[in-house]
Amino acid sequence: MTNPKKTNRPDSYAATGPLRGLRVLDLTANVAGPSATMILADLGADVIKIERPQGGDDGRKMGPYRGIWSAAFVPINRGKRSLALDIRQAEGRDVILRLAKSSAVFIENFRFGKAASLGLDEQSLRAVRPDIIYASLTAFGTRGPDHERPGYDALLQARTGIVSITGARKGYEGRTGISVMDMGSGIWLALGVLAALFERQRTQKGQRVDSSLFETGIMWMHYHLLIRQFTGIDPEPLGVKSPAFAPYGDFPTADGKILIGISSDRLFVRLCNAIDRPEWARDPRYATASERLRNREQLESELAAVFKTAPMASWLARLDDHGVPSEAIQSVGQVLNDPQLAALGQLETVALPSETDAEPIAAQIPRLPLNFSETPSQIGGPPPELGEHGRDILTEVGYSEQEISGLAERGVIWLPGRQP
C-alpha cells in the first residue's frame, strides 16, 4: 500500500508529551481499554497494541467504514503500533514476557480470570519486570457476586441506573448517545496508571491498578444516588431538564432549538428582562427556585410561546446580552463547523492509508482535551494496520530475522503480506 504521507512511530514521530520514552504493552480491545491506551499514546507513550492474527481487535469491525477503517476504531487507536500475536501459543506468551521487560505499563481488559489462564497475570508479568504497572479493566470489578460476569456499555448503563434517568420522560428511557461507560472507564484507568507511575518515582515499586464499567457508572450517578437518599424518591428521566432547577431545558424557536439553564433567582430575573417579561420575576408562582420547580409545566409552556416568536439567532443574542446561560442545540455537522472548535484547533487531520485510492483518506480526529505549556500532547499518526509494526517491535527486543520468520511460519505472529 503506497502512502507517502503516513506518519508512524518510531521513525517519523518524535513524541513531545510527558510520557515520551515510556513503553505501554496494550492487550485491550473494543472501546474501553483502547480508550485508556489512546490517552497514554497521545501523552507520548509508545503503545504496542497486541492483536489476534485472525482479524485483530474486534473494534476494527465496528462500522460504518471508510475503506478498511472503522469509525469506532480510528479515533481510539491512533498513534499506536500493532503486533498481531497469538497469545494462546506458548511462544506467543513468551513474546509478551520479553516485551514486558522493556515496558513500564501492562494493560489488559480480558474477561475476569483469562489473564491468569494464559499465564499473563500480574504475578507472571512481575516476575520479568518487578516494577511494572499492571492495569486491568473489567465489567464488574474484581470481587463481589458478579465479578466474573461480562458486560458492555449499554448493559452497564442499565445496571447502574443511568438508563432510568435518561430520556424524555418515564416510559421513554434510553441509553446515552455516546459510549460513556466504555470511554469513562478508560479515562479512570489511564488516570490510575498515571498516579501509579508517579508513586513509582518515589518508591521504585510497581502496583496493580484496576477499574470497571460498573464502578464508573456508579461514579457518574453520584448526584442521583444522593437525590434518592435525601428524598426517598427515585429520580426519573427529564430529557435535558434539571431535577433541581427551572426553567432548565430546551425550547423551540422559530427556526431551531435552544437550551437555557437558569440555576438561580438572579438568573431568572435576567431571563425575564431578556424576553421582555419583567413581571414574571415578581409573580409568586415563579419568584423563587422552589416555586418555579413546583410550577415548572406552566412556566415552560409560557416560555415556549415566547421563544417561538423569533429566530434562534435573535434569541441567543438577546440572552447573551443579558448574561443568560444559553446555547443552540447543534447537530454533529454543525459542531464540525463550530468557530470555537476551529479556534481551539482540537480537530487534527490524520491521513488514513487507502487500499483503493492514490491519496490517503483524511480524517479529522479530536485531540485530547488537555493542553501543556512545555510538553504538548499530540496525535502520533494514524491507527495501525493489523500487524503493521510486528517486525520492528520484535527486532527492538532482540529477535533475529530468522526467529521472526520462524514465528510467522508457525502462526505465532502475522505479518502484513503473509496469509493469516
Protein backbone atom coordinates (compact mmCIF):
# COMPACT_ATOMS: atom_id res chain seq x y z
CA MET A 1 0.00 0.00 0.00
CA THR A 2 1.51 3.30 -1.07
CA ASN A 3 1.09 6.20 1.29
CA PRO A 4 3.98 8.66 1.44
CA LYS A 5 2.13 10.94 3.86
CA LYS A 6 1.70 8.26 6.50
CA THR A 7 3.18 9.01 9.91
CA ASN A 8 4.24 6.16 12.17
CA ARG A 9 6.28 5.53 15.29
CA PRO A 10 9.15 5.37 15.85
CA ASP A 11 10.89 6.67 12.72
CA SER A 12 8.89 9.77 11.83
CA TYR A 13 7.15 10.56 15.12
CA ALA A 14 9.04 12.47 17.79
CA ALA A 15 6.94 12.26 20.94
CA THR A 16 6.75 15.52 22.84
CA GLY A 17 4.28 14.54 25.55
CA PRO A 18 5.12 13.99 29.22
CA LEU A 19 5.15 10.17 28.77
CA ARG A 20 7.74 10.16 25.98
CA GLY A 21 10.17 7.28 26.30
CA LEU A 22 7.62 5.13 28.17
CA ARG A 23 6.50 1.83 26.67
CA VAL A 24 2.97 0.52 27.24
CA LEU A 25 2.03 -3.07 26.43
CA ASP A 26 -1.62 -2.95 25.36
CA LEU A 27 -3.68 -6.17 25.40
CA THR A 28 -7.06 -4.43 25.20
CA ALA A 29 -9.78 -4.49 22.56
CA ASN A 30 -13.13 -2.94 21.61
CA VAL A 31 -13.64 0.53 23.20
CA ALA A 32 -12.99 0.75 26.94
CA GLY A 33 -9.40 -0.49 27.15
CA PRO A 34 -8.23 1.16 23.91
CA SER A 35 -9.65 4.47 25.20
CA ALA A 36 -7.24 4.25 28.14
CA THR A 37 -4.22 3.44 25.99
CA MET A 38 -5.19 6.14 23.47
CA ILE A 39 -4.77 8.71 26.25
CA LEU A 40 -1.33 7.33 27.11
CA ALA A 41 -0.31 7.30 23.43
CA ASP A 42 -1.31 10.92 22.92
CA LEU A 43 0.68 11.81 26.04
CA GLY A 44 3.77 10.44 24.33
CA ALA A 45 3.96 6.78 25.35
CA ASP A 46 4.96 4.12 22.85
CA VAL A 47 1.84 1.94 22.91
CA ILE A 48 2.30 -1.54 21.47
CA LYS A 49 -1.12 -2.93 20.59
CA ILE A 50 -1.31 -6.73 20.71
CA GLU A 51 -4.00 -8.10 18.39
CA ARG A 52 -5.25 -11.50 17.28
CA PRO A 53 -3.69 -12.62 13.98
CA GLN A 54 -7.16 -13.54 12.69
CA GLY A 55 -8.97 -10.22 12.25
CA GLY A 56 -7.33 -8.27 15.05
CA ASP A 57 -9.20 -6.12 17.54
CA ASP A 58 -12.99 -6.54 17.25
CA GLY A 59 -13.16 -2.75 17.12
CA ARG A 60 -11.88 -2.95 13.54
CA LYS A 61 -15.25 -4.49 12.61
CA MET A 62 -17.45 -1.77 14.16
CA GLY A 63 -18.93 0.18 11.24
CA PRO A 64 -19.59 2.41 9.48
CA TYR A 65 -16.44 2.25 7.40
CA ARG A 66 -14.37 4.33 5.04
CA GLY A 67 -12.23 1.90 3.11
CA ILE A 68 -10.84 -0.57 5.65
CA TRP A 69 -11.22 1.86 8.53
CA SER A 70 -13.94 1.69 11.18
CA ALA A 71 -15.31 4.94 12.62
CA ALA A 72 -15.14 3.35 16.08
CA PHE A 73 -11.59 2.00 15.73
CA VAL A 74 -9.80 5.00 14.23
CA PRO A 75 -10.08 7.67 16.97
CA ILE A 76 -9.13 5.44 19.92
CA ASN A 77 -6.24 3.60 18.26
CA ARG A 78 -4.38 6.48 16.62
CA GLY A 79 -0.64 6.64 17.17
CA LYS A 80 -0.25 3.04 18.37
CA ARG A 81 1.86 0.24 16.94
CA SER A 82 0.31 -3.14 16.11
CA LEU A 83 1.75 -6.61 16.68
CA ALA A 84 -0.50 -9.46 15.52
CA LEU A 85 0.32 -12.22 18.00
CA ASP A 86 -1.34 -15.50 19.02
CA ILE A 87 -1.07 -15.39 22.82
CA ARG A 88 -2.78 -18.79 23.07
CA GLN A 89 0.50 -20.35 21.98
CA ALA A 90 3.40 -20.68 24.42
CA GLU A 91 5.71 -18.87 22.02
CA GLY A 92 3.22 -16.00 21.83
CA ARG A 93 3.19 -15.66 25.61
CA ASP A 94 6.99 -15.73 25.57
CA VAL A 95 6.92 -12.74 23.22
CA ILE A 96 4.70 -10.86 25.69
CA LEU A 97 7.04 -11.60 28.58
CA ARG A 98 10.05 -10.45 26.60
CA LEU A 99 8.27 -7.24 25.65
CA ALA A 100 7.27 -6.74 29.28
CA LYS A 101 10.91 -6.46 30.30
CA SER A 102 11.13 -3.12 28.49
CA SER A 103 7.57 -1.96 29.27
CA ALA A 104 6.60 0.34 32.10
CA VAL A 105 2.89 -0.50 31.89
CA PHE A 106 0.86 -3.60 31.01
CA ILE A 107 -2.86 -3.09 30.35
CA GLU A 108 -5.49 -5.77 29.72
CA ASN A 109 -9.28 -5.95 29.59
CA PHE A 110 -9.80 -9.68 29.40
CA ARG A 111 -12.82 -11.31 30.95
CA PHE A 112 -12.08 -11.95 34.61
CA GLY A 113 -9.68 -14.88 35.05
CA LYS A 114 -8.49 -15.11 31.44
CA ALA A 115 -5.17 -13.37 32.06
CA ALA A 116 -4.31 -15.94 34.74
CA SER A 117 -5.33 -18.85 32.49
CA LEU A 118 -2.97 -17.53 29.82
CA GLY A 119 -0.09 -17.06 32.24
CA LEU A 120 -0.25 -13.29 31.80
CA ASP A 121 -1.48 -12.38 35.27
CA GLU A 122 0.20 -9.82 37.49
CA GLN A 123 2.50 -12.34 39.17
CA SER A 124 3.77 -13.63 35.82
CA LEU A 125 4.47 -10.14 34.49
CA ARG A 126 6.11 -9.02 37.72
CA ALA A 127 8.46 -12.00 37.56
CA VAL A 128 10.13 -10.45 34.48
CA ARG A 129 9.59 -6.76 35.37
CA PRO A 130 9.18 -6.29 39.16
CA ASP A 131 8.23 -2.60 38.95
CA ILE A 132 5.71 -2.90 36.12
CA ILE A 133 2.35 -1.14 36.46
CA TYR A 134 -0.25 -3.85 35.86
CA ALA A 135 -3.58 -2.31 34.85
CA SER A 136 -6.82 -4.21 34.40
CA LEU A 137 -10.27 -3.16 33.21
CA THR A 138 -13.33 -5.35 33.80
CA ALA A 139 -17.10 -5.06 33.62
CA PHE A 140 -17.95 -5.55 37.31
CA GLY A 141 -14.70 -5.24 39.24
CA THR A 142 -12.51 -7.87 40.91
CA ARG A 143 -14.80 -9.08 43.70
CA GLY A 144 -18.47 -9.46 44.56
CA PRO A 145 -21.16 -11.83 43.26
CA ASP A 146 -20.95 -10.60 39.66
CA HIS A 147 -17.22 -10.03 39.26
CA GLU A 148 -16.95 -12.79 36.63
CA ARG A 149 -19.88 -11.54 34.53
CA PRO A 150 -19.17 -10.00 31.14
CA GLY A 151 -20.71 -6.63 30.41
CA TYR A 152 -20.95 -3.95 27.77
CA ASP A 153 -21.63 -0.24 27.72
CA ALA A 154 -25.42 -0.30 27.33
CA LEU A 155 -25.83 -3.16 29.79
CA LEU A 156 -23.86 -1.34 32.47
CA GLN A 157 -25.81 1.86 31.80
CA ALA A 158 -28.90 -0.17 32.63
CA ARG A 159 -27.38 -1.87 35.67
CA THR A 160 -26.09 1.33 37.28
CA GLY A 161 -29.32 3.30 36.81
CA ILE A 162 -28.18 5.59 34.03
CA VAL A 163 -30.88 4.35 31.65
CA SER A 164 -33.55 5.01 34.30
CA ILE A 165 -32.74 8.75 34.31
CA THR A 166 -32.01 9.15 30.58
CA GLY A 167 -34.71 10.03 28.08
CA ALA A 168 -37.60 12.41 27.62
CA ARG A 169 -39.80 11.01 30.38
CA LYS A 170 -40.62 7.85 32.28
CA GLY A 171 -41.58 5.08 29.89
CA TYR A 172 -39.34 6.52 27.17
CA GLU A 173 -35.95 5.83 28.73
CA GLY A 174 -32.82 5.50 26.60
CA ARG A 175 -29.10 4.99 26.82
CA THR A 176 -26.76 7.92 26.34
CA GLY A 177 -25.80 8.58 22.73
CA ILE A 178 -22.09 8.09 23.42
CA SER A 179 -20.17 5.17 24.93
CA VAL A 180 -19.98 6.96 28.25
CA MET A 181 -19.25 3.79 30.24
CA ASP A 182 -16.51 2.49 27.96
CA MET A 183 -14.72 5.79 27.46
CA GLY A 184 -15.32 6.85 31.05
CA SER A 185 -13.78 3.70 32.49
CA GLY A 186 -10.86 4.14 30.08
CA ILE A 187 -10.28 7.64 31.44
CA TRP A 188 -10.33 6.39 35.04
CA LEU A 189 -7.90 3.58 34.22
CA ALA A 190 -5.49 5.97 32.48
CA LEU A 191 -5.70 8.30 35.47
CA GLY A 192 -4.89 5.38 37.77
CA VAL A 193 -1.90 4.40 35.64
CA LEU A 194 -0.54 7.95 35.77
CA ALA A 195 -0.92 8.04 39.56
CA ALA A 196 0.83 4.65 39.87
CA LEU A 197 3.70 5.87 37.69
CA PHE A 198 4.04 8.94 39.91
CA GLU A 199 4.14 6.77 43.03
CA ARG A 200 6.76 4.51 41.42
CA GLN A 201 9.00 7.54 41.01
CA ARG A 202 9.01 7.83 44.81
CA THR A 203 9.14 4.18 45.84
CA GLN A 204 10.58 2.34 42.79
CA LYS A 205 7.72 -0.14 43.24
CA GLY A 206 5.09 -1.12 40.75
CA GLN A 207 1.49 -1.87 41.64
CA ARG A 208 -1.80 -3.13 40.27
CA VAL A 209 -4.44 -0.67 39.08
CA ASP A 210 -7.93 -1.77 38.17
CA SER A 211 -11.22 -0.15 37.28
CA SER A 212 -14.55 -1.32 35.91
CA LEU A 213 -17.55 -0.16 33.94
CA PHE A 214 -19.80 -0.79 36.94
CA GLU A 215 -17.75 1.46 39.23
CA THR A 216 -17.63 4.12 36.53
CA GLY A 217 -21.41 4.09 36.22
CA ILE A 218 -21.82 4.41 39.98
CA MET A 219 -19.44 7.37 39.96
CA TRP A 220 -21.38 9.09 37.16
CA MET A 221 -24.58 8.61 39.21
CA HIS A 222 -23.30 10.25 42.39
CA TYR A 223 -25.72 13.17 42.32
CA HIS A 224 -28.74 10.99 41.62
CA LEU A 225 -27.76 8.50 44.30
CA LEU A 226 -27.83 11.34 46.81
CA ILE A 227 -31.20 12.57 45.49
CA ARG A 228 -32.63 9.12 46.24
CA GLN A 229 -31.09 9.07 49.71
CA PHE A 230 -32.19 12.60 50.60
CA THR A 231 -35.73 12.45 49.22
CA GLY A 232 -36.62 8.76 49.20
CA ILE A 233 -37.82 9.17 45.61
CA ASP A 234 -36.20 7.60 42.55
CA PRO A 235 -35.13 10.25 40.00
CA GLU A 236 -36.87 9.96 36.65
CA PRO A 237 -35.78 10.92 33.12
CA LEU A 238 -36.26 14.60 32.30
CA GLY A 239 -34.67 14.89 28.88
CA VAL A 240 -32.32 17.89 29.10
CA LYS A 241 -34.19 19.33 32.07
CA SER A 242 -32.69 19.56 35.55
CA PRO A 243 -34.26 17.93 38.61
CA ALA A 244 -33.06 20.88 40.71
CA PHE A 245 -33.75 24.00 38.62
CA ALA A 246 -36.41 25.54 36.39
CA PRO A 247 -36.54 26.70 33.72
CA TYR A 248 -33.71 24.47 32.62
CA GLY A 249 -34.06 22.74 29.26
CA ASP A 250 -34.75 23.03 25.56
CA PHE A 251 -37.18 25.38 23.83
CA PRO A 252 -38.08 25.60 20.13
CA THR A 253 -37.62 28.96 18.44
CA ALA A 254 -38.94 29.99 15.02
CA ASP A 255 -36.11 28.09 13.29
CA GLY A 256 -34.28 25.85 15.75
CA LYS A 257 -33.94 24.73 19.36
CA ILE A 258 -32.04 26.43 22.16
CA LEU A 259 -31.17 25.25 25.63
CA ILE A 260 -31.27 27.60 28.59
CA GLY A 261 -30.02 26.93 32.11
CA ILE A 262 -31.45 29.00 34.97
CA SER A 263 -29.84 27.90 38.22
CA SER A 264 -30.63 30.86 40.49
CA ASP A 265 -33.23 33.55 41.17
CA ARG A 266 -30.76 36.14 39.91
CA LEU A 267 -30.51 34.43 36.52
CA PHE A 268 -34.28 34.14 36.30
CA VAL A 269 -34.60 37.92 36.67
CA ARG A 270 -32.13 38.31 33.79
CA LEU A 271 -34.16 35.90 31.67
CA CYS A 272 -37.38 37.79 32.34
CA ASN A 273 -35.76 41.05 31.27
CA ALA A 274 -34.23 39.47 28.16
CA ILE A 275 -37.60 38.23 26.89
CA ASP A 276 -39.49 41.40 27.91
CA ARG A 277 -41.42 39.69 30.68
CA PRO A 278 -40.04 41.50 33.79
CA GLU A 279 -43.32 40.93 35.66
CA TRP A 280 -42.65 37.18 35.79
CA ALA A 281 -39.81 37.77 38.24
CA ARG A 282 -42.38 39.15 40.71
CA ASP A 283 -45.03 36.51 40.03
CA PRO A 284 -45.43 34.38 43.21
CA ARG A 285 -45.53 31.25 41.05
CA TYR A 286 -42.05 31.94 39.65
CA ALA A 287 -40.28 34.26 42.08
CA THR A 288 -38.24 31.56 43.86
CA ALA A 289 -36.47 28.40 42.69
CA SER A 290 -38.76 26.12 44.70
CA GLU A 291 -41.90 27.75 43.28
CA ARG A 292 -40.56 27.56 39.73
CA LEU A 293 -39.98 23.82 40.18
CA ARG A 294 -43.49 23.44 41.58
CA ASN A 295 -44.96 25.30 38.59
CA ARG A 296 -42.48 24.04 36.00
CA GLU A 297 -45.05 22.94 33.40
CA GLN A 298 -46.90 26.27 33.38
CA LEU A 299 -43.68 28.27 33.21
CA GLU A 300 -42.26 26.16 30.40
CA SER A 301 -45.47 26.46 28.43
CA GLU A 302 -45.38 30.26 28.67
CA LEU A 303 -41.70 30.36 27.76
CA ALA A 304 -42.26 28.11 24.75
CA ALA A 305 -44.90 30.50 23.42
CA VAL A 306 -42.47 33.41 23.73
CA PHE A 307 -39.46 31.71 22.11
CA LYS A 308 -41.46 30.59 19.07
CA THR A 309 -41.99 34.22 18.05
CA ALA A 310 -38.44 34.91 16.83
CA PRO A 311 -35.47 33.13 15.19
CA MET A 312 -32.87 31.32 17.25
CA ALA A 313 -30.03 33.73 16.46
CA SER A 314 -32.08 36.65 17.68
CA TRP A 315 -32.87 34.97 20.99
CA LEU A 316 -29.29 33.84 21.57
CA ALA A 317 -28.04 37.40 21.02
CA ARG A 318 -30.58 38.84 23.45
CA LEU A 319 -29.90 36.18 26.06
CA ASP A 320 -26.14 36.75 25.74
CA ASP A 321 -26.64 40.50 26.17
CA HIS A 322 -28.43 39.86 29.45
CA GLY A 323 -25.97 37.26 30.71
CA VAL A 324 -28.42 34.35 30.50
CA PRO A 325 -26.75 30.91 30.00
CA SER A 326 -27.95 29.61 26.64
CA GLU A 327 -26.73 27.65 23.63
CA ALA A 328 -28.05 26.37 20.33
CA ILE A 329 -28.69 22.64 20.16
CA GLN A 330 -26.36 21.71 17.32
CA SER A 331 -26.20 18.72 15.02
CA VAL A 332 -22.93 16.84 14.61
CA GLY A 333 -22.44 18.54 11.26
CA GLN A 334 -22.85 21.94 12.87
CA VAL A 335 -20.35 21.02 15.58
CA LEU A 336 -17.75 20.19 12.92
CA ASN A 337 -18.13 23.76 11.62
CA ASP A 338 -18.26 25.49 15.01
CA PRO A 339 -15.88 28.51 15.02
CA GLN A 340 -14.93 27.81 18.63
CA LEU A 341 -13.75 24.36 17.61
CA ALA A 342 -11.70 25.89 14.82
CA ALA A 343 -10.17 28.43 17.20
CA LEU A 344 -9.09 25.72 19.65
CA GLY A 345 -7.70 23.57 16.85
CA GLN A 346 -8.84 20.43 18.63
CA LEU A 347 -9.54 18.50 15.43
CA GLU A 348 -6.36 17.16 13.89
CA THR A 349 -6.29 15.78 10.38
CA VAL A 350 -4.85 12.27 10.20
CA ALA A 351 -4.09 10.56 6.89
CA LEU A 352 -5.52 7.02 6.78
CA PRO A 353 -3.96 4.68 4.24
CA SER A 354 -6.33 3.81 1.42
CA GLU A 355 -6.38 0.46 -0.36
CA THR A 356 -8.09 1.81 -3.45
CA ASP A 357 -7.19 5.49 -3.77
CA ALA A 358 -3.82 7.00 -4.57
CA GLU A 359 -4.34 9.62 -1.88
CA PRO A 360 -4.87 8.72 1.78
CA ILE A 361 -8.22 9.29 3.47
CA ALA A 362 -8.29 12.48 5.53
CA ALA A 363 -9.96 12.01 8.92
CA GLN A 364 -10.39 14.79 11.47
CA ILE A 365 -9.89 13.33 14.95
CA PRO A 366 -10.24 15.18 18.27
CA ARG A 367 -7.05 15.73 20.25
CA LEU A 368 -7.10 15.14 23.98
CA PRO A 369 -8.85 17.97 25.85
CA LEU A 370 -5.56 18.72 27.60
CA ASN A 371 -3.05 21.47 26.90
CA PHE A 372 0.51 21.56 28.24
CA SER A 373 2.74 24.61 28.01
CA GLU A 374 6.01 22.64 27.98
CA THR A 375 5.22 19.06 26.92
CA PRO A 376 2.30 19.19 24.48
CA SER A 377 0.40 16.05 23.67
CA GLN A 378 -0.26 15.15 20.06
CA ILE A 379 -1.83 12.51 17.88
CA GLY A 380 1.09 10.34 16.87
CA GLY A 381 -0.19 9.39 13.45
CA PRO A 382 -2.93 7.13 12.11
CA PRO A 383 -4.12 3.94 13.76
CA PRO A 384 -2.07 0.92 12.76
CA GLU A 385 -2.98 -1.63 10.18
CA LEU A 386 -3.17 -5.12 11.64
CA GLY A 387 0.34 -6.36 12.45
CA GLU A 388 1.91 -3.37 10.73
CA HIS A 389 4.77 -2.93 13.19
CA GLY A 390 5.35 -6.54 14.16
CA ARG A 391 8.76 -6.92 12.57
CA ASP A 392 10.06 -3.64 14.02
CA ILE A 393 8.76 -4.38 17.52
CA LEU A 394 10.28 -7.85 17.67
CA THR A 395 13.59 -6.59 16.30
CA GLU A 396 13.70 -3.95 19.05
CA VAL A 397 13.53 -6.62 21.77
CA GLY A 398 16.22 -8.80 20.26
CA TYR A 399 14.54 -11.22 17.87
CA SER A 400 16.60 -12.05 14.82
CA GLU A 401 15.20 -12.02 11.32
CA GLN A 402 15.37 -15.82 11.30
CA GLU A 403 13.44 -16.05 14.56
CA ILE A 404 10.79 -13.62 13.31
CA SER A 405 10.36 -15.64 10.11
CA GLY A 406 10.03 -18.81 12.19
CA LEU A 407 7.33 -17.26 14.39
CA ALA A 408 5.43 -16.21 11.27
CA GLU A 409 5.70 -19.65 9.69
CA ARG A 410 4.36 -21.30 12.88
CA GLY A 411 1.42 -18.89 13.05
CA VAL A 412 2.56 -17.24 16.27
CA ILE A 413 2.66 -13.84 14.60
CA TRP A 414 1.12 -12.48 11.45
CA LEU A 415 2.98 -10.00 9.28
CA PRO A 416 1.41 -7.89 6.52
CA GLY A 417 1.89 -9.53 3.16
CA ARG A 418 1.50 -13.05 4.56
CA GLN A 419 -1.69 -15.08 4.58
CA PRO A 420 -3.14 -15.36 8.12
